[in-house]
Amino acid sequence: MQLHHLIRRVALAIVVVLAGVYGYMSLRGPQGIPALMEKWREIRRLEEDNAALQRENDYRRERIKKLQSSPSEQELEIRKKLKLLRPGETSFILPDPPKQDESKPVAPSGPPSAPEEK
């Protein structure tokens, strides 16, 4: 009778240990906690993207309302899009500032150095 109880206890202990090992491996594996954390980060990023898009939509709705209700806003927008001028107006077009390539070092400003002689 004692041997039978001992065997049951050992078997139960083995089952509990195996279940614990399986649970640990499941949580630490590729579909476990790391995957869950990555999903949370992705959800947070998508929520931020949605909020930014919502703000942009709100801005555009307000802009549309202004354009619908204000003839002067309409005129300004049309003139800007079509680059139209009223008689007597002058338009100044400025060149874009030169873009510096971050991968190339900026040459020092000063007189060019003399070429090296070989």
PDB file of N, CA and C in Angstrom:
ATOM      1  N   MET A   1       0.818  -1.189   0.000  1.00  0.00           N
ATOM      2  CA  MET A   1       0.000   0.000   0.000  1.00  0.00           C
ATOM      3  C   MET A   1       0.870   1.264   0.000  1.00  0.00           C
ATOM      4  N   GLN A   2       1.933   1.280   0.781  1.00  0.00           N
ATOM      5  CA  GLN A   2       2.838   2.414   0.853  1.00  0.00           C
ATOM      6  C   GLN A   2       3.559   2.635  -0.482  1.00  0.00           C
ATOM      7  N   LEU A   3       3.922   1.570  -1.126  1.00  0.00           N
ATOM      8  CA  LEU A   3       4.615   1.664  -2.406  1.00  0.00           C
ATOM      9  C   LEU A   3       3.701   2.290  -3.457  1.00  0.00           C
ATOM     10  N   HIS A   4       2.436   1.926  -3.408  1.00  0.00           N
ATOM     11  CA  HIS A   4       1.457   2.452  -4.352  1.00  0.00           C
ATOM     12  C   HIS A   4       1.312   3.970  -4.179  1.00  0.00           C
ATOM     13  N   HIS A   5       1.260   4.470  -2.936  1.00  0.00           N
ATOM     14  CA  HIS A   5       1.166   5.911  -2.664  1.00  0.00           C
ATOM     15  C   HIS A   5       2.442   6.642  -3.100  1.00  0.00           C
ATOM     16  N   LEU A   6       3.577   6.007  -2.864  1.00  0.00           N
ATOM     17  CA  LEU A   6       4.847   6.601  -3.257  1.00  0.00           C
ATOM     18  C   LEU A   6       4.928   6.756  -4.778  1.00  0.00           C
ATOM     19  N   ILE A   7       4.501   5.746  -5.491  1.00  0.00           N
ATOM     20  CA  ILE A   7       4.520   5.793  -6.958  1.00  0.00           C
ATOM     21  C   ILE A   7       3.579   6.895  -7.453  1.00  0.00           C
ATOM     22  N   ARG A   8       2.421   7.025  -6.835  1.00  0.00           N
ATOM     23  CA  ARG A   8       1.471   8.080  -7.220  1.00  0.00           C
ATOM     24  C   ARG A   8       2.061   9.465  -6.991  1.00  0.00           C
ATOM     25  N   ARG A   9       2.731   9.650  -5.861  1.00  0.00           N
ATOM     26  CA  ARG A   9       3.339  10.935  -5.538  1.00  0.00           C
ATOM     27  C   ARG A   9       4.469  11.272  -6.517  1.00  0.00           C
ATOM     28  N   VAL A  10       5.291  10.290  -6.828  1.00  0.00           N
ATOM     29  CA  VAL A  10       6.384  10.507  -7.775  1.00  0.00           C
ATOM     30  C   VAL A  10       5.812  10.841  -9.156  1.00  0.00           C
ATOM     31  N   ALA A  11       4.785  10.108  -9.576  1.00  0.00           N
ATOM     32  CA  ALA A  11       4.165  10.357 -10.874  1.00  0.00           C
ATOM     33  C   ALA A  11       3.554  11.762 -10.903  1.00  0.00           C
ATOM     34  N   LEU A  12       2.891  12.142  -9.828  1.00  0.00           N
ATOM     35  CA  LEU A  12       2.302  13.483  -9.750  1.00  0.00           C
ATOM     36  C   LEU A  12       3.402  14.551  -9.784  1.00  0.00           C
ATOM     37  N   ALA A  13       4.491  14.331  -9.088  1.00  0.00           N
ATOM     38  CA  ALA A  13       5.605  15.273  -9.084  1.00  0.00           C
ATOM     39  C   ALA A  13       6.198  15.391 -10.489  1.00  0.00           C
ATOM     40  N   ILE A  14       6.337  14.279 -11.189  1.00  0.00           N
ATOM     41  CA  ILE A  14       6.868  14.298 -12.561  1.00  0.00           C
ATOM     42  C   ILE A  14       5.931  15.077 -13.469  1.00  0.00           C
ATOM     43  N   VAL A  15       4.628  14.857 -13.337  1.00  0.00           N
ATOM     44  CA  VAL A  15       3.652  15.572 -14.160  1.00  0.00           C
ATOM     45  C   VAL A  15       3.727  17.077 -13.884  1.00  0.00           C
ATOM     46  N   VAL A  16       3.831  17.460 -12.615  1.00  0.00           N
ATOM     47  CA  VAL A  16       3.911  18.875 -12.253  1.00  0.00           C
ATOM     48  C   VAL A  16       5.197  19.491 -12.812  1.00  0.00           C
ATOM     49  N   VAL A  17       6.313  18.800 -12.680  1.00  0.00           N
ATOM     50  CA  VAL A  17       7.586  19.306 -13.198  1.00  0.00           C
ATOM     51  C   VAL A  17       7.518  19.441 -14.720  1.00  0.00           C
ATOM     52  N   LEU A  18       6.990  18.432 -15.405  1.00  0.00           N
ATOM     53  CA  LEU A  18       6.873  18.507 -16.868  1.00  0.00           C
ATOM     54  C   LEU A  18       5.957  19.659 -17.293  1.00  0.00           C
ATOM     55  N   ALA A  19       4.853  19.847 -16.576  1.00  0.00           N
ATOM     56  CA  ALA A  19       3.953  20.964 -16.898  1.00  0.00           C
ATOM     57  C   ALA A  19       4.668  22.298 -16.671  1.00  0.00           C
ATOM     58  N   GLY A  20       5.449  22.403 -15.621  1.00  0.00           N
ATOM     59  CA  GLY A  20       6.208  23.625 -15.353  1.00  0.00           C
ATOM     60  C   GLY A  20       7.251  23.893 -16.431  1.00  0.00           C
ATOM     61  N   VAL A  21       7.966  22.854 -16.834  1.00  0.00           N
ATOM     62  CA  VAL A  21       8.968  23.001 -17.895  1.00  0.00           C
ATOM     63  C   VAL A  21       8.294  23.405 -19.203  1.00  0.00           C
ATOM     64  N   TYR A  22       7.168  22.771 -19.509  1.00  0.00           N
ATOM     65  CA  TYR A  22       6.438  23.111 -20.738  1.00  0.00           C
ATOM     66  C   TYR A  22       5.958  24.567 -20.685  1.00  0.00           C
ATOM     67  N   GLY A  23       5.427  24.988 -19.567  1.00  0.00           N
ATOM     68  CA  GLY A  23       4.972  26.372 -19.411  1.00  0.00           C
ATOM     69  C   GLY A  23       6.124  27.356 -19.544  1.00  0.00           C
ATOM     70  N   TYR A  24       7.242  27.043 -18.915  1.00  0.00           N
ATOM     71  CA  TYR A  24       8.421  27.912 -19.000  1.00  0.00           C
ATOM     72  C   TYR A  24       8.899  28.026 -20.446  1.00  0.00           C
ATOM     73  N   MET A  25       8.998  26.897 -21.132  1.00  0.00           N
ATOM     74  CA  MET A  25       9.460  26.904 -22.526  1.00  0.00           C
ATOM     75  C   MET A  25       8.471  27.648 -23.424  1.00  0.00           C
ATOM     76  N   SER A  26       7.186  27.505 -23.162  1.00  0.00           N
ATOM     77  CA  SER A  26       6.181  28.199 -23.967  1.00  0.00           C
ATOM     78  C   SER A  26       6.278  29.703 -23.790  1.00  0.00           C
ATOM     79  N   LEU A  27       6.486  30.160 -22.568  1.00  0.00           N
ATOM     80  CA  LEU A  27       6.573  31.586 -22.301  1.00  0.00           C
ATOM     81  C   LEU A  27       7.873  32.184 -22.818  1.00  0.00           C
ATOM     82  N   ARG A  28       8.951  31.429 -22.810  1.00  0.00           N
ATOM     83  CA  ARG A  28      10.249  31.941 -23.251  1.00  0.00           C
ATOM     84  C   ARG A  28      10.468  31.768 -24.750  1.00  0.00           C
ATOM     85  N   GLY A  29       9.654  30.957 -25.404  1.00  0.00           N
ATOM     86  CA  GLY A  29       9.841  30.673 -26.827  1.00  0.00           C
ATOM     87  C   GLY A  29       9.425  31.829 -27.715  1.00  0.00           C
ATOM     88  N   PRO A  30       9.518  31.624 -29.027  1.00  0.00           N
ATOM     89  CA  PRO A  30       9.225  32.707 -29.977  1.00  0.00           C
ATOM     90  C   PRO A  30       7.770  33.178 -29.945  1.00  0.00           C
ATOM     91  N   GLN A  31       6.862  32.367 -29.485  1.00  0.00           N
ATOM     92  CA  GLN A  31       5.461  32.763 -29.409  1.00  0.00           C
ATOM     93  C   GLN A  31       5.051  33.158 -27.984  1.00  0.00           C
ATOM     94  N   GLY A  32       6.017  33.295 -27.110  1.00  0.00           N
ATOM     95  CA  GLY A  32       5.720  33.596 -25.709  1.00  0.00           C
ATOM     96  C   GLY A  32       5.768  35.074 -25.392  1.00  0.00           C
ATOM     97  N   ILE A  33       6.391  35.398 -24.284  1.00  0.00           N
ATOM     98  CA  ILE A  33       6.442  36.768 -23.781  1.00  0.00           C
ATOM     99  C   ILE A  33       7.132  37.723 -24.755  1.00  0.00           C
ATOM    100  N   PRO A  34       8.263  37.346 -25.399  1.00  0.00           N
ATOM    101  CA  PRO A  34       8.866  38.291 -26.356  1.00  0.00           C
ATOM    102  C   PRO A  34       7.901  38.665 -27.483  1.00  0.00           C
ATOM    103  N   ALA A  35       7.162  37.706 -27.998  1.00  0.00           N
ATOM    104  CA  ALA A  35       6.196  38.004 -29.060  1.00  0.00           C
ATOM    105  C   ALA A  35       5.078  38.898 -28.531  1.00  0.00           C
ATOM    106  N   LEU A  36       4.651  38.667 -27.313  1.00  0.00           N
ATOM    107  CA  LEU A  36       3.611  39.490 -26.704  1.00  0.00           C
ATOM    108  C   LEU A  36       4.085  40.934 -26.538  1.00  0.00           C
ATOM    109  N   MET A  37       5.323  41.106 -26.085  1.00  0.00           N
ATOM    110  CA  MET A  37       5.881  42.453 -25.920  1.00  0.00           C
ATOM    111  C   MET A  37       5.978  43.154 -27.278  1.00  0.00           C
ATOM    112  N   GLU A  38       6.392  42.422 -28.307  1.00  0.00           N
ATOM    113  CA  GLU A  38       6.489  43.005 -29.650  1.00  0.00           C
ATOM    114  C   GLU A  38       5.112  43.422 -30.146  1.00  0.00           C
ATOM    115  N   LYS A  39       4.098  42.622 -29.885  1.00  0.00           N
ATOM    116  CA  LYS A  39       2.727  42.985 -30.286  1.00  0.00           C
ATOM    117  C   LYS A  39       2.274  44.248 -29.568  1.00  0.00           C
ATOM    118  N   TRP A  40       2.598  44.388 -28.286  1.00  0.00           N
ATOM    119  CA  TRP A  40       2.224  45.594 -27.545  1.00  0.00           C
ATOM    120  C   TRP A  40       2.902  46.824 -28.138  1.00  0.00           C
ATOM    121  N   ARG A  41       4.210  46.684 -28.485  1.00  0.00           N
ATOM    122  CA  ARG A  41       4.916  47.807 -29.105  1.00  0.00           C
ATOM    123  C   ARG A  41       4.279  48.175 -30.441  1.00  0.00           C
ATOM    124  N   GLU A  42       3.918  47.172 -31.219  1.00  0.00           N
ATOM    125  CA  GLU A  42       3.284  47.430 -32.510  1.00  0.00           C
ATOM    126  C   GLU A  42       1.930  48.112 -32.332  1.00  0.00           C
ATOM    127  N   ILE A  43       1.162  47.667 -31.353  1.00  0.00           N
ATOM    128  CA  ILE A  43      -0.144  48.285 -31.075  1.00  0.00           C
ATOM    129  C   ILE A  43       0.049  49.747 -30.674  1.00  0.00           C
ATOM    130  N   ARG A  44       1.024  50.017 -29.812  1.00  0.00           N
ATOM    131  CA  ARG A  44       1.293  51.391 -29.370  1.00  0.00           C
ATOM    132  C   ARG A  44       1.682  52.267 -30.570  1.00  0.00           C
ATOM    133  N   ARG A  45       2.543  51.754 -31.463  1.00  0.00           N
ATOM    134  CA  ARG A  45       2.965  52.504 -32.643  1.00  0.00           C
ATOM    135  C   ARG A  45       1.777  52.770 -33.560  1.00  0.00           C
ATOM    136  N   LEU A  46       0.920  51.769 -33.758  1.00  0.00           N
ATOM    137  CA  LEU A  46      -0.246  51.951 -34.619  1.00  0.00           C
ATOM    138  C   LEU A  46      -1.235  52.946 -34.015  1.00  0.00           C
ATOM    139  N   GLU A  47      -1.384  52.929 -32.695  1.00  0.00           N
ATOM    140  CA  GLU A  47      -2.261  53.903 -32.042  1.00  0.00           C
ATOM    141  C   GLU A  47      -1.722  55.323 -32.228  1.00  0.00           C
ATOM    142  N   GLU A  48      -0.386  55.482 -32.129  1.00  0.00           N
ATOM    143  CA  GLU A  48       0.210  56.801 -32.348  1.00  0.00           C
ATOM    144  C   GLU A  48       0.013  57.249 -33.795  1.00  0.00           C
ATOM    145  N   ASP A  49       0.187  56.308 -34.740  1.00  0.00           N
ATOM    146  CA  ASP A  49      -0.045  56.632 -36.153  1.00  0.00           C
ATOM    147  C   ASP A  49      -1.494  57.049 -36.375  1.00  0.00           C
ATOM    148  N   ASN A  50      -2.422  56.320 -35.758  1.00  0.00           N
ATOM    149  CA  ASN A  50      -3.845  56.664 -35.896  1.00  0.00           C
ATOM    150  C   ASN A  50      -4.142  58.039 -35.330  1.00  0.00           C
ATOM    151  N   ALA A  51      -3.538  58.366 -34.191  1.00  0.00           N
ATOM    152  CA  ALA A  51      -3.753  59.684 -33.585  1.00  0.00           C
ATOM    153  C   ALA A  51      -3.215  60.784 -34.500  1.00  0.00           C
ATOM    154  N   ALA A  52      -2.042  60.556 -35.100  1.00  0.00           N
ATOM    155  CA  ALA A  52      -1.479  61.556 -36.010  1.00  0.00           C
ATOM    156  C   ALA A  52      -2.371  61.721 -37.239  1.00  0.00           C
ATOM    157  N   LEU A  53      -2.876  60.625 -37.768  1.00  0.00           N
ATOM    158  CA  LEU A  53      -3.772  60.706 -38.923  1.00  0.00           C
ATOM    159  C   LEU A  53      -5.078  61.408 -38.559  1.00  0.00           C
ATOM    160  N   GLN A  54      -5.563  61.169 -37.351  1.00  0.00           N
ATOM    161  CA  GLN A  54      -6.793  61.835 -36.905  1.00  0.00           C
ATOM    162  C   GLN A  54      -6.579  63.346 -36.812  1.00  0.00           C
ATOM    163  N   ARG A  55      -5.412  63.759 -36.266  1.00  0.00           N
ATOM    164  CA  ARG A  55      -5.104  65.190 -36.192  1.00  0.00           C
ATOM    165  C   ARG A  55      -5.024  65.799 -37.592  1.00  0.00           C
ATOM    166  N   GLU A  56      -4.397  65.071 -38.520  1.00  0.00           N
ATOM    167  CA  GLU A  56      -4.301  65.563 -39.896  1.00  0.00           C
ATOM    168  C   GLU A  56      -5.684  65.680 -40.529  1.00  0.00           C
ATOM    169  N   ASN A  57      -6.541  64.694 -40.303  1.00  0.00           N
ATOM    170  CA  ASN A  57      -7.915  64.748 -40.824  1.00  0.00           C
ATOM    171  C   ASN A  57      -8.679  65.936 -40.251  1.00  0.00           C
ATOM    172  N   ASP A  58      -8.529  66.165 -38.948  1.00  0.00           N
ATOM    173  CA  ASP A  58      -9.207  67.303 -38.320  1.00  0.00           C
ATOM    174  C   ASP A  58      -8.731  68.617 -38.928  1.00  0.00           C
ATOM    175  N   TYR A  59      -7.406  68.739 -39.122  1.00  0.00           N
ATOM    176  CA  TYR A  59      -6.862  69.952 -39.730  1.00  0.00           C
ATOM    177  C   TYR A  59      -7.443  70.153 -41.128  1.00  0.00           C
ATOM    178  N   ARG A  60      -7.486  69.083 -41.911  1.00  0.00           N
ATOM    179  CA  ARG A  60      -7.994  69.206 -43.285  1.00  0.00           C
ATOM    180  C   ARG A  60      -9.482  69.529 -43.306  1.00  0.00           C
ATOM    181  N   ARG A  61     -10.251  68.975 -42.371  1.00  0.00           N
ATOM    182  CA  ARG A  61     -11.678  69.310 -42.292  1.00  0.00           C
ATOM    183  C   ARG A  61     -11.869  70.797 -42.001  1.00  0.00           C
ATOM    184  N   GLU A  62     -11.081  71.301 -41.053  1.00  0.00           N
ATOM    185  CA  GLU A  62     -11.154  72.731 -40.724  1.00  0.00           C
ATOM    186  C   GLU A  62     -10.752  73.588 -41.918  1.00  0.00           C
ATOM    187  N   ARG A  63      -9.726  73.164 -42.630  1.00  0.00           N
ATOM    188  CA  ARG A  63      -9.273  73.901 -43.811  1.00  0.00           C
ATOM    189  C   ARG A  63     -10.372  73.920 -44.873  1.00  0.00           C
ATOM    190  N   ILE A  64     -11.040  72.796 -45.068  1.00  0.00           N
ATOM    191  CA  ILE A  64     -12.139  72.721 -46.044  1.00  0.00           C
ATOM    192  C   ILE A  64     -13.272  73.654 -45.626  1.00  0.00           C
ATOM    193  N   LYS A  65     -13.600  73.659 -44.323  1.00  0.00           N
ATOM    194  CA  LYS A  65     -14.660  74.554 -43.842  1.00  0.00           C
ATOM    195  C   LYS A  65     -14.295  76.018 -44.109  1.00  0.00           C
ATOM    196  N   LYS A  66     -13.028  76.372 -43.844  1.00  0.00           N
ATOM    197  CA  LYS A  66     -12.592  77.752 -44.100  1.00  0.00           C
ATOM    198  C   LYS A  66     -12.713  78.083 -45.575  1.00  0.00           C
ATOM    199  N   LEU A  67     -12.301  77.164 -46.430  1.00  0.00           N
ATOM    200  CA  LEU A  67     -12.362  77.421 -47.868  1.00  0.00           C
ATOM    201  C   LEU A  67     -13.812  77.532 -48.353  1.00  0.00           C
ATOM    202  N   GLN A  68     -14.702  76.720 -47.772  1.00  0.00           N
ATOM    203  CA  GLN A  68     -16.109  76.766 -48.187  1.00  0.00           C
ATOM    204  C   GLN A  68     -16.797  78.053 -47.735  1.00  0.00           C
ATOM    205  N   SER A  69     -16.371  78.578 -46.604  1.00  0.00           N
ATOM    206  CA  SER A  69     -17.088  79.718 -46.032  1.00  0.00           C
ATOM    207  C   SER A  69     -16.446  81.073 -46.333  1.00  0.00           C
ATOM    208  N   SER A  70     -15.231  81.085 -46.861  1.00  0.00           N
ATOM    209  CA  SER A  70     -14.541  82.361 -47.041  1.00  0.00           C
ATOM    210  C   SER A  70     -14.044  82.519 -48.483  1.00  0.00           C
ATOM    211  N   PRO A  71     -14.659  83.430 -49.227  1.00  0.00           N
ATOM    212  CA  PRO A  71     -14.186  83.671 -50.604  1.00  0.00           C
ATOM    213  C   PRO A  71     -12.737  84.157 -50.650  1.00  0.00           C
ATOM    214  N   SER A  72     -12.304  84.928 -49.668  1.00  0.00           N
ATOM    215  CA  SER A  72     -10.917  85.412 -49.685  1.00  0.00           C
ATOM    216  C   SER A  72      -9.935  84.246 -49.498  1.00  0.00           C
ATOM    217  N   GLU A  73     -10.297  83.272 -48.638  1.00  0.00           N
ATOM    218  CA  GLU A  73      -9.458  82.075 -48.469  1.00  0.00           C
ATOM    219  C   GLU A  73      -9.404  81.288 -49.775  1.00  0.00           C
ATOM    220  N   GLN A  74     -10.565  81.185 -50.456  1.00  0.00           N
ATOM    221  CA  GLN A  74     -10.608  80.477 -51.734  1.00  0.00           C
ATOM    222  C   GLN A  74      -9.680  81.143 -52.736  1.00  0.00           C
ATOM    223  N   GLU A  75      -9.761  82.472 -52.821  1.00  0.00           N
ATOM    224  CA  GLU A  75      -8.929  83.197 -53.773  1.00  0.00           C
ATOM    225  C   GLU A  75      -7.447  82.994 -53.488  1.00  0.00           C
ATOM    226  N   LEU A  76      -7.070  83.101 -52.208  1.00  0.00           N
ATOM    227  CA  LEU A  76      -5.668  82.908 -51.847  1.00  0.00           C
ATOM    228  C   LEU A  76      -5.181  81.508 -52.220  1.00  0.00           C
ATOM    229  N   GLU A  77      -6.004  80.510 -51.951  1.00  0.00           N
ATOM    230  CA  GLU A  77      -5.620  79.128 -52.255  1.00  0.00           C
ATOM    231  C   GLU A  77      -5.472  78.923 -53.760  1.00  0.00           C
ATOM    232  N   ILE A  78      -6.411  79.454 -54.524  1.00  0.00           N
ATOM    233  CA  ILE A  78      -6.356  79.312 -55.983  1.00  0.00           C
ATOM    234  C   ILE A  78      -5.122  80.027 -56.529  1.00  0.00           C
ATOM    235  N   ARG A  79      -4.878  81.235 -56.064  1.00  0.00           N
ATOM    236  CA  ARG A  79      -3.716  81.989 -56.533  1.00  0.00           C
ATOM    237  C   ARG A  79      -2.419  81.276 -56.182  1.00  0.00           C
ATOM    238  N   LYS A  80      -2.384  80.680 -54.996  1.00  0.00           N
ATOM    239  CA  LYS A  80      -1.179  79.971 -54.574  1.00  0.00           C
ATOM    240  C   LYS A  80      -0.962  78.718 -55.434  1.00  0.00           C
ATOM    241  N   LYS A  81      -2.025  77.951 -55.655  1.00  0.00           N
ATOM    242  CA  LYS A  81      -1.904  76.702 -56.431  1.00  0.00           C
ATOM    243  C   LYS A  81      -1.564  76.975 -57.889  1.00  0.00           C
ATOM    244  N   LEU A  82      -2.190  77.991 -58.471  1.00  0.00           N
ATOM    245  CA  LEU A  82      -1.985  78.277 -59.893  1.00  0.00           C
ATOM    246  C   LEU A  82      -0.875  79.300 -60.138  1.00  0.00           C
ATOM    247  N   LYS A  83      -0.299  79.800 -59.063  1.00  0.00           N
ATOM    248  CA  LYS A  83       0.778  80.793 -59.129  1.00  0.00           C
ATOM    249  C   LYS A  83       0.341  82.007 -59.961  1.00  0.00           C
ATOM    250  N   LEU A  84      -0.818  82.516 -59.601  1.00  0.00           N
ATOM    251  CA  LEU A  84      -1.366  83.683 -60.292  1.00  0.00           C
ATOM    252  C   LEU A  84      -1.037  84.953 -59.521  1.00  0.00           C
ATOM    253  N   LEU A  85      -0.889  86.047 -60.249  1.00  0.00           N
ATOM    254  CA  LEU A  85      -0.621  87.346 -59.643  1.00  0.00           C
ATOM    255  C   LEU A  85      -1.675  88.341 -60.102  1.00  0.00           C
ATOM    256  N   ARG A  86      -1.970  89.281 -59.257  1.00  0.00           N
ATOM    257  CA  ARG A  86      -2.845  90.398 -59.635  1.00  0.00           C
ATOM    258  C   ARG A  86      -2.015  91.413 -60.413  1.00  0.00           C
ATOM    259  N   PRO A  87      -2.677  92.240 -61.196  1.00  0.00           N
ATOM    260  CA  PRO A  87      -1.928  93.281 -61.918  1.00  0.00           C
ATOM    261  C   PRO A  87      -1.166  94.170 -60.929  1.00  0.00           C
ATOM    262  N   GLY A  88       0.106  94.371 -61.207  1.00  0.00           N
ATOM    263  CA  GLY A  88       0.933  95.216 -60.354  1.00  0.00           C
ATOM    264  C   GLY A  88       1.667  94.454 -59.265  1.00  0.00           C
ATOM    265  N   GLU A  89       1.326  93.182 -59.038  1.00  0.00           N
ATOM    266  CA  GLU A  89       2.025  92.392 -58.022  1.00  0.00           C
ATOM    267  C   GLU A  89       3.302  91.819 -58.619  1.00  0.00           C
ATOM    268  N   THR A  90       4.291  91.643 -57.753  1.00  0.00           N
ATOM    269  CA  THR A  90       5.561  91.047 -58.166  1.00  0.00           C
ATOM    270  C   THR A  90       5.813  89.811 -57.315  1.00  0.00           C
ATOM    271  N   SER A  91       6.250  88.764 -57.963  1.00  0.00           N
ATOM    272  CA  SER A  91       6.543  87.526 -57.251  1.00  0.00           C
ATOM    273  C   SER A  91       8.047  87.317 -57.214  1.00  0.00           C
ATOM    274  N   PHE A  92       8.558  86.966 -56.065  1.00  0.00           N
ATOM    275  CA  PHE A  92       9.976  86.678 -55.918  1.00  0.00           C
ATOM    276  C   PHE A  92      10.121  85.186 -55.656  1.00  0.00           C
ATOM    277  N   ILE A  93      10.906  84.523 -56.458  1.00  0.00           N
ATOM    278  CA  ILE A  93      11.164  83.102 -56.285  1.00  0.00           C
ATOM    279  C   ILE A  93      12.603  82.955 -55.826  1.00  0.00           C
ATOM    280  N   LEU A  94      12.759  82.463 -54.626  1.00  0.00           N
ATOM    281  CA  LEU A  94      14.085  82.300 -54.052  1.00  0.00           C
ATOM    282  C   LEU A  94      14.557  80.870 -54.269  1.00  0.00           C
ATOM    283  N   PRO A  95      15.842  80.687 -54.533  1.00  0.00           N
ATOM    284  CA  PRO A  95      16.343  79.321 -54.706  1.00  0.00           C
ATOM    285  C   PRO A  95      16.329  78.591 -53.368  1.00  0.00           C
ATOM    286  N   ASP A  96      16.183  77.291 -53.457  1.00  0.00           N
ATOM    287  CA  ASP A  96      16.239  76.480 -52.246  1.00  0.00           C
ATOM    288  C   ASP A  96      17.663  76.517 -51.695  1.00  0.00           C
ATOM    289  N   PRO A  97      17.815  76.520 -50.383  1.00  0.00           N
ATOM    290  CA  PRO A  97      19.168  76.494 -49.826  1.00  0.00           C
ATOM    291  C   PRO A  97      19.836  75.175 -50.197  1.00  0.00           C
ATOM    292  N   PRO A  98      21.139  75.187 -50.430  1.00  0.00           N
ATOM    293  CA  PRO A  98      21.816  73.934 -50.803  1.00  0.00           C
ATOM    294  C   PRO A  98      21.747  72.940 -49.649  1.00  0.00           C
ATOM    295  N   LYS A  99      21.513  71.706 -50.023  1.00  0.00           N
ATOM    296  CA  LYS A  99      21.440  70.646 -49.014  1.00  0.00           C
ATOM    297  C   LYS A  99      22.820  70.061 -48.828  1.00  0.00           C
ATOM    298  N   GLN A 100      23.204  69.897 -47.569  1.00  0.00           N
ATOM    299  CA  GLN A 100      24.509  69.312 -47.281  1.00  0.00           C
ATOM    300  C   GLN A 100      24.349  67.826 -47.095  1.00  0.00           C
ATOM    301  N   ASP A 101      25.198  67.079 -47.752  1.00  0.00           N
ATOM    302  CA  ASP A 101      25.191  65.628 -47.620  1.00  0.00           C
ATOM    303  C   ASP A 101      25.961  65.284 -46.353  1.00  0.00           C
ATOM    304  N   GLU A 102      25.303  64.596 -45.430  1.00  0.00           N
ATOM    305  CA  GLU A 102      25.926  64.290 -44.142  1.00  0.00           C
ATOM    306  C   GLU A 102      27.072  63.291 -44.285  1.00  0.00           C
ATOM    307  N   SER A 103      27.059  62.497 -45.364  1.00  0.00           N
ATOM    308  CA  SER A 103      28.104  61.481 -45.503  1.00  0.00           C
ATOM    309  C   SER A 103      29.415  62.074 -45.988  1.00  0.00           C
ATOM    310  N   LYS A 104      29.352  63.251 -46.633  1.00  0.00           N
ATOM    311  CA  LYS A 104      30.568  63.882 -47.137  1.00  0.00           C
ATOM    312  C   LYS A 104      30.993  64.985 -46.169  1.00  0.00           C
ATOM    313  N   PRO A 105      32.274  65.060 -45.871  1.00  0.00           N
ATOM    314  CA  PRO A 105      32.727  66.143 -44.986  1.00  0.00           C
ATOM    315  C   PRO A 105      32.613  67.476 -45.707  1.00  0.00           C
ATOM    316  N   VAL A 106      32.324  68.500 -44.944  1.00  0.00           N
ATOM    317  CA  VAL A 106      32.190  69.842 -45.499  1.00  0.00           C
ATOM    318  C   VAL A 106      33.581  70.407 -45.710  1.00  0.00           C
ATOM    319  N   ALA A 107      33.842  70.927 -46.915  1.00  0.00           N
ATOM    320  CA  ALA A 107      35.150  71.504 -47.217  1.00  0.00           C
ATOM    321  C   ALA A 107      35.300  72.808 -46.453  1.00  0.00           C
ATOM    322  N   PRO A 108      36.474  73.082 -45.951  1.00  0.00           N
ATOM    323  CA  PRO A 108      36.667  74.340 -45.221  1.00  0.00           C
ATOM    324  C   PRO A 108      36.516  75.505 -46.180  1.00  0.00           C
ATOM    325  N   SER A 109      35.921  76.577 -45.682  1.00  0.00           N
ATOM    326  CA  SER A 109      35.750  77.748 -46.534  1.00  0.00           C
ATOM    327  C   SER A 109      36.990  78.607 -46.424  1.00  0.00           C
ATOM    328  N   GLY A 110      37.589  78.847 -47.526  1.00  0.00           N
ATOM    329  CA  GLY A 110      38.822  79.627 -47.564  1.00  0.00           C
ATOM    330  C   GLY A 110      39.446  79.464 -48.922  1.00  0.00           C
ATOM    331  N   PRO A 111      40.585  80.074 -49.134  1.00  0.00           N
ATOM    332  CA  PRO A 111      41.213  79.964 -50.443  1.00  0.00           C
ATOM    333  C   PRO A 111      41.648  78.526 -50.695  1.00  0.00           C
ATOM    334  N   PRO A 112      41.534  78.079 -51.934  1.00  0.00           N
ATOM    335  CA  PRO A 112      41.957  76.707 -52.227  1.00  0.00           C
ATOM    336  C   PRO A 112      43.454  76.567 -52.047  1.00  0.00           C
ATOM    337  N   SER A 113      43.846  75.425 -51.577  1.00  0.00           N
ATOM    338  CA  SER A 113      45.272  75.190 -51.351  1.00  0.00           C
ATOM    339  C   SER A 113      45.935  74.875 -52.679  1.00  0.00           C
ATOM    340  N   ALA A 114      47.208  75.139 -52.747  1.00  0.00           N
ATOM    341  CA  ALA A 114      47.970  74.878 -53.959  1.00  0.00           C
ATOM    342  C   ALA A 114      48.085  73.391 -54.167  1.00  0.00           C
ATOM    343  N   PRO A 115      48.046  72.930 -55.425  1.00  0.00           N
ATOM    344  CA  PRO A 115      48.172  71.495 -55.665  1.00  0.00           C
ATOM    345  C   PRO A 115      49.555  71.006 -55.258  1.00  0.00           C
ATOM    346  N   GLU A 116      49.556  69.789 -54.802  1.00  0.00           N
ATOM    347  CA  GLU A 116      50.827  69.212 -54.356  1.00  0.00           C
ATOM    348  C   GLU A 116      51.670  68.865 -55.575  1.00  0.00           C
ATOM    349  N   GLU A 117      52.968  69.059 -55.457  1.00  0.00           N
ATOM    350  CA  GLU A 117      53.896  68.690 -56.520  1.00  0.00           C
ATOM    351  C   GLU A 117      54.510  67.366 -56.190  1.00  0.00           C
ATOM    352  N   LYS A 118      54.688  66.570 -57.232  1.00  0.00           N
ATOM    353  CA  LYS A 118      55.246  65.232 -57.012  1.00  0.00           C
ATOM    354  C   LYS A 118      56.665  65.171 -57.476  1.00  0.00           C
TER     355      LYS A 118
END
